[in-house]
Amino acid sequence: MYTVNTRLPYNMEYDHRYIKFIRHARNLTLEAFSHYIKVDPATICRLEKGQLDFTPYYEAKLKDAIDRLRISNVELVSIRTIIEQKEKRGYYK
């Protein structure tokens, strides 16, 4: 029988790198995702690319979108693992 992993982070901090993976987890376009995050699609694109500062305002918007999309903590941990692996391989600097 499987048990719940008690080491899942419930208060994770997010940055701009999470946006694209969260969007792709639900197979959403920028336009469709903008309805969940309540930010203009052009702003989302600039946030994804790191061209716009990811302020606490945008982090709060992303957390609300995560709740609306019902992204589970397991999915968020998987996304974090992907980001860490890409970081190790030099994709993010």
Protein backbone atom coordinates (compact mmCIF):
# COMPACT_ATOMS: atom_id res chain seq x y z
CA MET A 1 0.00 0.00 0.00
CA TYR A 2 1.24 3.49 -0.83
CA THR A 3 1.49 6.21 1.78
CA VAL A 4 1.54 9.96 1.41
CA ASN A 5 5.01 11.45 1.20
CA THR A 6 5.26 13.82 4.16
CA ARG A 7 8.28 15.60 2.72
CA LEU A 8 6.39 17.35 -0.06
CA PRO A 9 6.86 21.13 0.12
CA TYR A 10 3.61 22.96 0.71
CA ASN A 11 5.04 26.47 0.73
CA MET A 12 7.36 26.34 -2.25
CA GLU A 13 8.73 29.54 -3.70
CA TYR A 14 8.27 29.91 -7.43
CA ASP A 15 10.19 31.83 -10.02
CA HIS A 16 9.71 32.60 -13.70
CA ARG A 17 11.02 29.19 -14.78
CA TYR A 18 7.93 27.43 -13.38
CA ILE A 19 5.46 29.27 -15.62
CA LYS A 20 6.24 27.41 -18.83
CA PHE A 21 6.21 23.98 -17.20
CA ILE A 22 2.95 24.64 -15.33
CA ARG A 23 1.39 25.89 -18.57
CA HIS A 24 2.58 22.82 -20.45
CA ALA A 25 1.39 20.50 -17.66
CA ARG A 26 -2.17 21.47 -18.59
CA ASN A 27 -1.46 21.86 -22.33
CA LEU A 28 -2.43 25.54 -22.34
CA THR A 29 -1.50 28.28 -24.77
CA LEU A 30 -0.41 31.70 -23.52
CA GLU A 31 -3.89 33.01 -24.29
CA ALA A 32 -5.65 30.20 -22.38
CA PHE A 33 -3.23 30.41 -19.45
CA SER A 34 -3.78 34.17 -19.19
CA HIS A 35 -7.36 33.50 -18.07
CA TYR A 36 -6.10 31.49 -15.08
CA ILE A 37 -3.23 33.76 -14.06
CA LYS A 38 -5.16 36.95 -14.95
CA VAL A 39 -2.20 38.60 -16.66
CA ASP A 40 -1.85 39.68 -20.28
CA PRO A 41 -0.39 36.96 -22.58
CA ALA A 42 2.45 39.27 -23.66
CA THR A 43 3.40 39.75 -20.00
CA ILE A 44 3.37 35.98 -19.45
CA CYS A 45 5.68 35.54 -22.44
CA ARG A 46 8.11 38.13 -21.06
CA LEU A 47 7.99 36.50 -17.62
CA GLU A 48 8.70 33.06 -19.10
CA LYS A 49 11.74 34.38 -20.93
CA GLY A 50 13.03 36.25 -17.87
CA GLN A 51 12.72 39.61 -19.60
CA LEU A 52 10.47 40.95 -16.84
CA ASP A 53 11.21 40.84 -13.12
CA PHE A 54 9.25 38.12 -11.34
CA THR A 55 7.98 40.19 -8.41
CA PRO A 56 5.94 38.94 -5.44
CA TYR A 57 2.86 40.24 -7.28
CA TYR A 58 3.44 37.80 -10.14
CA GLU A 59 4.32 35.02 -7.71
CA ALA A 60 0.95 35.49 -5.98
CA LYS A 61 -0.80 35.44 -9.37
CA LEU A 62 1.03 32.21 -10.26
CA LYS A 63 0.04 30.59 -6.96
CA ASP A 64 -3.61 31.50 -7.63
CA ALA A 65 -3.34 29.98 -11.11
CA ILE A 66 -1.85 26.81 -9.63
CA ASP A 67 -4.87 26.53 -7.34
CA ARG A 68 -7.32 27.18 -10.19
CA LEU A 69 -5.63 24.60 -12.41
CA ARG A 70 -5.48 22.09 -9.55
CA ILE A 71 -1.79 21.38 -10.01
CA SER A 72 -0.85 18.85 -7.33
CA ASN A 73 2.18 19.06 -5.07
CA VAL A 74 3.56 15.94 -6.74
CA GLU A 75 3.42 17.71 -10.11
CA LEU A 76 5.14 20.77 -8.63
CA VAL A 77 7.92 18.62 -7.19
CA SER A 78 8.35 17.00 -10.61
CA ILE A 79 8.56 20.42 -12.23
CA ARG A 80 11.12 21.53 -9.65
CA THR A 81 13.18 18.41 -10.39
CA ILE A 82 13.11 19.17 -14.12
CA ILE A 83 14.25 22.74 -13.46
CA GLU A 84 17.06 21.54 -11.19
CA GLN A 85 18.24 19.06 -13.84
CA LYS A 86 18.21 21.74 -16.52
CA GLU A 87 20.12 24.03 -14.16
CA LYS A 88 22.79 21.37 -13.65
CA ARG A 89 23.14 20.95 -17.39
CA GLY A 90 23.59 24.67 -17.91
CA TYR A 91 20.28 25.65 -19.47
CA TYR A 92 19.69 28.37 -16.87
CA LYS A 93 22.34 30.81 -15.76
